[in-house]
Amino acid sequence: MITVCLYGGLRECGRRFDLQVASPAEAVHALTVQIPALRQKLRQGFYQVRFGRRDWSEGELKSGFGQPAGGVLHIVPRVQGAGKNGGIIQTVLGVVLIVVGALTSWSGGASLVVAGIGMVAGGVAQMLTKPPKFEQGKGVESSRNSSFSNLSNTAAQGQSMPLAYGRIYCGSRVVSQGIESRRIEGNSTAANGNSVVRMVFDAAKIKNPNGNSDPMAVDLTLGMKKTFIQGVAATAPNGQKYNTDFENDSVRAMNYEAVYTVD
């Protein structure tokens, strides 16, 4: 006589079964034949199989699970993965447990266990292994450059650039952009006429009128004044205006005039 105790989600099919069978393999086979829901659940995970006061591995199931014996059989669902107990607790693939029970529950079936488990393992490995996809440009997608934020319409590396004719209403493709860092001395002059450099020096002069300050960094956005203006809807190729909601905050944020002032 063998008593089968189920745990975890398997208890939806019952908690305890007392069976007049000769081996634990026959007990598993008897339950999976009579309870289809249990058979389905065993196919979907890994389990700790404990019988005779010890845990059984898949290799031990092949040779000894069909031998005549009596006792209590515990089947406990386990999560297969990393953990401090990952190498201590033996786990068994549920579908292997079903195959062992089916092939060793009748006379002469023990010789088919190794072949049956080999077929199951091969099928499971095929289902769990993601087949390779031979797609052109897949490597280009995986090397997408994320050095810049999505505030500008950047293009991924290696992709083609569209060539459009006529009036186009669409986002842009940036061919190249970069960041340049410069060291600006406080006593230098903005003789090159560059407006950004001139803004920096104007702010530096206010902070230090003598002009003999250490190299400094100035946030130009602090002196930037924005005046929001009414946007103009773009015209489609058929002559009609695009329906644009200029009251939307995201649209209003893109329509403004910016003036830099030094207070």
Protein backbone atom coordinates (compact mmCIF):
# COMPACT_ATOMS: atom_id res chain seq x y z
CA MET A 1 0.00 0.00 0.00
CA ILE A 2 1.23 3.47 -0.91
CA THR A 3 -0.12 6.80 0.34
CA VAL A 4 0.31 9.72 -2.08
CA CYS A 5 0.37 13.25 -0.58
CA LEU A 6 0.12 16.26 -2.89
CA TYR A 7 1.20 19.80 -2.05
CA GLY A 8 0.92 23.33 -3.44
CA GLY A 9 -1.22 23.78 -6.52
CA LEU A 10 -1.53 20.01 -6.90
CA ARG A 11 -3.92 19.98 -3.93
CA GLU A 12 -6.64 21.24 -6.24
CA CYS A 13 -6.78 17.60 -7.37
CA GLY A 14 -6.78 16.19 -3.83
CA ARG A 15 -4.59 16.06 -0.75
CA ARG A 16 -4.16 12.39 0.18
CA PHE A 17 -4.74 9.13 -1.67
CA ASP A 18 -4.40 5.62 -0.22
CA LEU A 19 -3.75 3.19 -3.07
CA GLN A 20 -3.37 -0.59 -3.13
CA VAL A 21 -0.46 -0.63 -5.57
CA ALA A 22 2.90 -2.38 -5.67
CA SER A 23 5.24 0.55 -6.42
CA PRO A 24 5.32 4.36 -6.34
CA ALA A 25 5.47 4.40 -10.15
CA GLU A 26 2.20 2.47 -10.28
CA ALA A 27 0.68 4.93 -7.80
CA VAL A 28 1.57 7.92 -10.00
CA HIS A 29 0.23 6.15 -13.08
CA ALA A 30 -3.04 5.27 -11.33
CA LEU A 31 -3.64 8.89 -10.29
CA THR A 32 -2.72 10.48 -13.63
CA VAL A 33 -5.00 8.08 -15.50
CA GLN A 34 -8.00 8.76 -13.26
CA ILE A 35 -7.40 12.51 -12.69
CA PRO A 36 -6.68 14.29 -16.01
CA ALA A 37 -6.21 17.64 -14.21
CA LEU A 38 -3.37 16.17 -12.16
CA ARG A 39 -1.72 14.82 -15.28
CA GLN A 40 -1.93 18.27 -16.89
CA LYS A 41 -0.44 20.01 -13.85
CA LEU A 42 2.47 17.57 -13.61
CA ARG A 43 3.40 18.41 -17.19
CA GLN A 44 3.88 22.09 -16.36
CA GLY A 45 6.67 22.24 -13.80
CA PHE A 46 9.36 20.75 -11.58
CA TYR A 47 8.65 18.73 -8.44
CA GLN A 48 10.38 17.37 -5.38
CA VAL A 49 9.64 13.65 -5.17
CA ARG A 50 10.15 12.14 -1.70
CA PHE A 51 9.61 8.46 -0.97
CA GLY A 52 11.17 6.22 1.65
CA ARG A 53 12.42 9.22 3.65
CA ARG A 54 14.66 10.50 0.85
CA ASP A 55 14.43 12.68 -2.25
CA TRP A 56 14.59 11.06 -5.66
CA SER A 57 16.40 12.41 -8.71
CA GLU A 58 15.45 11.76 -12.32
CA GLY A 59 18.25 9.22 -12.63
CA GLU A 60 17.02 7.28 -9.62
CA LEU A 61 13.47 7.26 -10.96
CA LYS A 62 14.61 5.30 -14.01
CA SER A 63 15.95 2.38 -12.00
CA GLY A 64 14.19 2.19 -8.65
CA PHE A 65 10.82 3.92 -8.88
CA GLY A 66 9.14 0.84 -10.30
CA GLN A 67 10.47 -1.56 -7.67
CA PRO A 68 7.88 -3.04 -5.24
CA ALA A 69 7.76 -0.99 -2.07
CA GLY A 70 5.33 0.59 0.37
CA GLY A 71 5.24 3.89 2.19
CA VAL A 72 4.30 7.55 1.74
CA LEU A 73 4.99 9.36 -1.54
CA HIS A 74 5.25 13.16 -1.35
CA ILE A 75 5.06 15.30 -4.53
CA VAL A 76 5.90 18.96 -3.85
CA PRO A 77 6.00 21.71 -6.54
CA ARG A 78 9.38 23.44 -6.71
CA VAL A 79 10.64 26.52 -8.57
CA GLN A 80 13.62 25.65 -10.74
CA GLY A 81 16.23 28.39 -10.64
CA ALA A 82 18.90 30.13 -8.62
CA GLY A 83 18.86 29.97 -4.84
CA LYS A 84 20.86 28.85 -1.86
CA ASN A 85 19.06 25.49 -1.87
CA GLY A 86 19.24 25.02 -5.63
CA GLY A 87 21.90 22.30 -5.41
CA ILE A 88 20.51 20.56 -2.32
CA ILE A 89 16.90 19.70 -3.15
CA GLN A 90 16.47 17.22 -5.97
CA THR A 91 13.89 18.35 -8.53
CA VAL A 92 12.20 16.22 -11.15
CA LEU A 93 10.54 17.34 -14.33
CA GLY A 94 6.87 16.50 -13.96
CA VAL A 95 6.52 15.00 -17.43
CA VAL A 96 9.38 12.59 -16.60
CA LEU A 97 7.45 11.51 -13.53
CA ILE A 98 4.45 10.69 -15.74
CA VAL A 99 6.57 8.70 -18.20
CA VAL A 100 8.26 6.69 -15.45
CA GLY A 101 4.90 5.88 -13.91
CA ALA A 102 3.41 4.78 -17.23
CA LEU A 103 6.33 2.66 -18.44
CA THR A 104 7.12 0.88 -15.17
CA SER A 105 3.57 0.13 -14.08
CA TRP A 106 3.30 -2.92 -16.34
CA SER A 107 5.49 -5.95 -16.84
CA GLY A 108 8.35 -5.44 -19.29
CA GLY A 109 8.05 -1.67 -19.32
CA ALA A 110 11.20 -1.00 -17.31
CA SER A 111 13.37 -1.56 -20.37
CA LEU A 112 11.63 1.31 -22.16
CA VAL A 113 12.17 3.87 -19.39
CA VAL A 114 15.56 5.08 -20.63
CA ALA A 115 14.33 5.44 -24.20
CA GLY A 116 11.11 7.11 -23.09
CA ILE A 117 12.85 9.64 -20.87
CA GLY A 118 15.36 10.35 -23.62
CA MET A 119 12.53 11.19 -26.02
CA VAL A 120 10.83 13.35 -23.40
CA ALA A 121 14.04 15.19 -22.53
CA GLY A 122 14.72 15.85 -26.20
CA GLY A 123 11.23 17.20 -26.73
CA VAL A 124 11.36 19.37 -23.61
CA ALA A 125 14.74 20.77 -24.60
CA GLN A 126 13.36 21.61 -28.03
CA MET A 127 10.37 23.40 -26.49
CA LEU A 128 12.50 25.35 -24.00
CA THR A 129 15.18 26.35 -26.51
CA LYS A 130 14.36 29.43 -28.52
CA PRO A 131 15.04 28.72 -32.20
CA PRO A 132 17.38 31.21 -33.92
CA LYS A 133 15.78 33.78 -36.19
CA PHE A 134 17.65 34.54 -39.37
CA GLU A 135 16.58 38.13 -39.81
CA GLN A 136 18.59 40.70 -41.67
CA GLY A 137 19.38 43.78 -39.63
CA LYS A 138 18.79 42.13 -36.25
CA GLY A 139 22.27 43.04 -35.14
CA VAL A 140 21.65 46.61 -36.17
CA GLU A 141 18.59 46.80 -33.94
CA SER A 142 20.45 45.41 -30.94
CA SER A 143 23.20 48.03 -31.29
CA ARG A 144 20.83 50.95 -31.03
CA ASN A 145 22.60 54.03 -29.70
CA SER A 146 21.01 55.41 -26.53
CA SER A 147 23.57 58.11 -25.76
CA PHE A 148 20.98 60.84 -26.30
CA SER A 149 17.49 61.30 -24.95
CA ASN A 150 14.34 61.15 -27.06
CA LEU A 151 14.06 64.94 -27.16
CA SER A 152 15.59 64.88 -30.63
CA ASN A 153 14.58 62.57 -33.48
CA THR A 154 17.70 60.42 -33.52
CA ALA A 155 18.21 57.51 -35.88
CA ALA A 156 19.63 54.12 -34.93
CA GLN A 157 23.04 53.17 -36.24
CA GLY A 158 23.21 51.32 -39.53
CA GLN A 159 19.72 52.15 -40.79
CA SER A 160 18.96 53.74 -44.12
CA MET A 161 18.16 57.43 -44.44
CA PRO A 162 14.94 58.30 -46.32
CA LEU A 163 15.03 60.72 -49.25
CA ALA A 164 11.72 62.56 -49.61
CA TYR A 165 10.59 65.12 -52.20
CA GLY A 166 7.95 67.80 -51.81
CA ARG A 167 6.38 69.15 -48.64
CA ILE A 168 6.78 66.58 -45.89
CA TYR A 169 5.02 66.51 -42.50
CA CYS A 170 7.06 64.10 -40.41
CA GLY A 171 9.81 63.82 -37.87
CA SER A 172 13.46 64.28 -38.78
CA ARG A 173 16.36 61.86 -38.97
CA VAL A 174 19.54 63.20 -37.38
CA VAL A 175 22.57 62.08 -39.37
CA SER A 176 25.15 63.13 -36.80
CA GLN A 177 25.25 64.93 -33.48
CA GLY A 178 27.66 65.24 -30.62
CA ILE A 179 28.61 67.00 -27.42
CA GLU A 180 31.63 69.28 -27.20
CA SER A 181 33.13 70.41 -23.91
CA ARG A 182 35.23 73.59 -23.78
CA ARG A 183 37.18 75.35 -21.07
CA ILE A 184 36.46 79.10 -21.14
CA GLU A 185 38.73 81.45 -19.23
CA GLY A 186 37.08 84.32 -17.38
CA ASN A 187 39.48 86.95 -18.78
CA SER A 188 39.09 85.91 -22.43
CA THR A 189 37.26 87.92 -25.06
CA ALA A 190 34.44 86.85 -27.32
CA ALA A 191 36.10 88.10 -30.47
CA ASN A 192 34.78 85.33 -32.68
CA GLY A 193 31.26 86.69 -32.59
CA ASN A 194 29.78 83.40 -31.38
CA SER A 195 26.46 84.20 -29.72
CA VAL A 196 26.64 81.35 -27.20
CA VAL A 197 30.14 82.32 -26.09
CA ARG A 198 29.03 85.93 -25.82
CA MET A 199 26.12 84.91 -23.59
CA VAL A 200 28.52 83.11 -21.28
CA PHE A 201 30.81 86.11 -21.01
CA ASP A 202 27.92 88.50 -20.43
CA ALA A 203 26.81 86.39 -17.49
CA ALA A 204 30.40 86.12 -16.24
CA LYS A 205 30.88 89.89 -16.31
CA ILE A 206 27.82 90.42 -14.14
CA LYS A 207 29.10 87.92 -11.62
CA ASN A 208 32.64 89.35 -11.64
CA PRO A 209 32.99 92.82 -13.22
CA ASN A 210 36.81 92.68 -13.03
CA GLY A 211 36.86 89.81 -15.51
CA ASN A 212 39.56 87.91 -13.61
CA SER A 213 37.47 84.97 -12.48
CA ASP A 214 38.25 81.30 -12.51
CA PRO A 215 36.91 79.10 -15.33
CA MET A 216 33.18 78.80 -14.82
CA ALA A 217 30.10 77.10 -16.20
CA VAL A 218 26.90 79.07 -16.74
CA ASP A 219 23.42 77.58 -17.22
CA LEU A 220 22.09 79.54 -20.18
CA THR A 221 18.55 78.35 -19.54
CA LEU A 222 18.41 80.60 -16.47
CA GLY A 223 18.50 83.67 -18.71
CA MET A 224 16.24 82.25 -21.41
CA LYS A 225 12.79 83.82 -21.65
CA LYS A 226 10.16 81.98 -23.65
CA THR A 227 7.15 83.60 -25.27
CA PHE A 228 4.62 81.02 -26.40
CA ILE A 229 3.03 81.76 -29.76
CA GLN A 230 0.14 80.34 -31.75
CA GLY A 231 1.25 77.48 -33.96
CA VAL A 232 0.41 77.10 -37.63
CA ALA A 233 -1.04 73.85 -38.90
CA ALA A 234 0.91 72.12 -41.63
CA THR A 235 -0.65 71.56 -45.04
CA ALA A 236 -1.15 68.05 -46.40
CA PRO A 237 -0.25 67.18 -50.03
CA ASN A 238 -3.96 67.37 -50.92
CA GLY A 239 -4.10 70.99 -49.77
CA GLN A 240 -5.95 70.40 -46.51
CA LYS A 241 -4.65 71.48 -43.13
CA TYR A 242 -3.62 68.82 -40.64
CA ASN A 243 -5.90 68.63 -37.63
CA THR A 244 -3.58 69.85 -34.86
CA ASP A 245 -4.63 70.56 -31.28
CA PHE A 246 -2.66 73.69 -30.41
CA GLU A 247 -4.16 73.74 -26.92
CA ASN A 248 -2.35 70.53 -26.07
CA ASP A 249 0.51 71.12 -23.64
CA SER A 250 2.99 69.10 -25.67
CA VAL A 251 2.14 71.10 -28.83
CA ARG A 252 2.28 74.45 -27.03
CA ALA A 253 5.66 73.55 -25.58
CA MET A 254 7.12 73.36 -29.10
CA ASN A 255 5.79 76.75 -30.30
CA TYR A 256 7.61 79.63 -28.64
CA GLU A 257 10.10 82.40 -29.21
CA ALA A 258 13.20 82.33 -27.00
CA VAL A 259 15.18 85.44 -26.09
CA TYR A 260 18.30 85.34 -23.95
CA THR A 261 18.66 88.26 -21.58
CA VAL A 262 21.23 89.09 -18.93
CA ASP A 263 19.60 90.64 -15.88
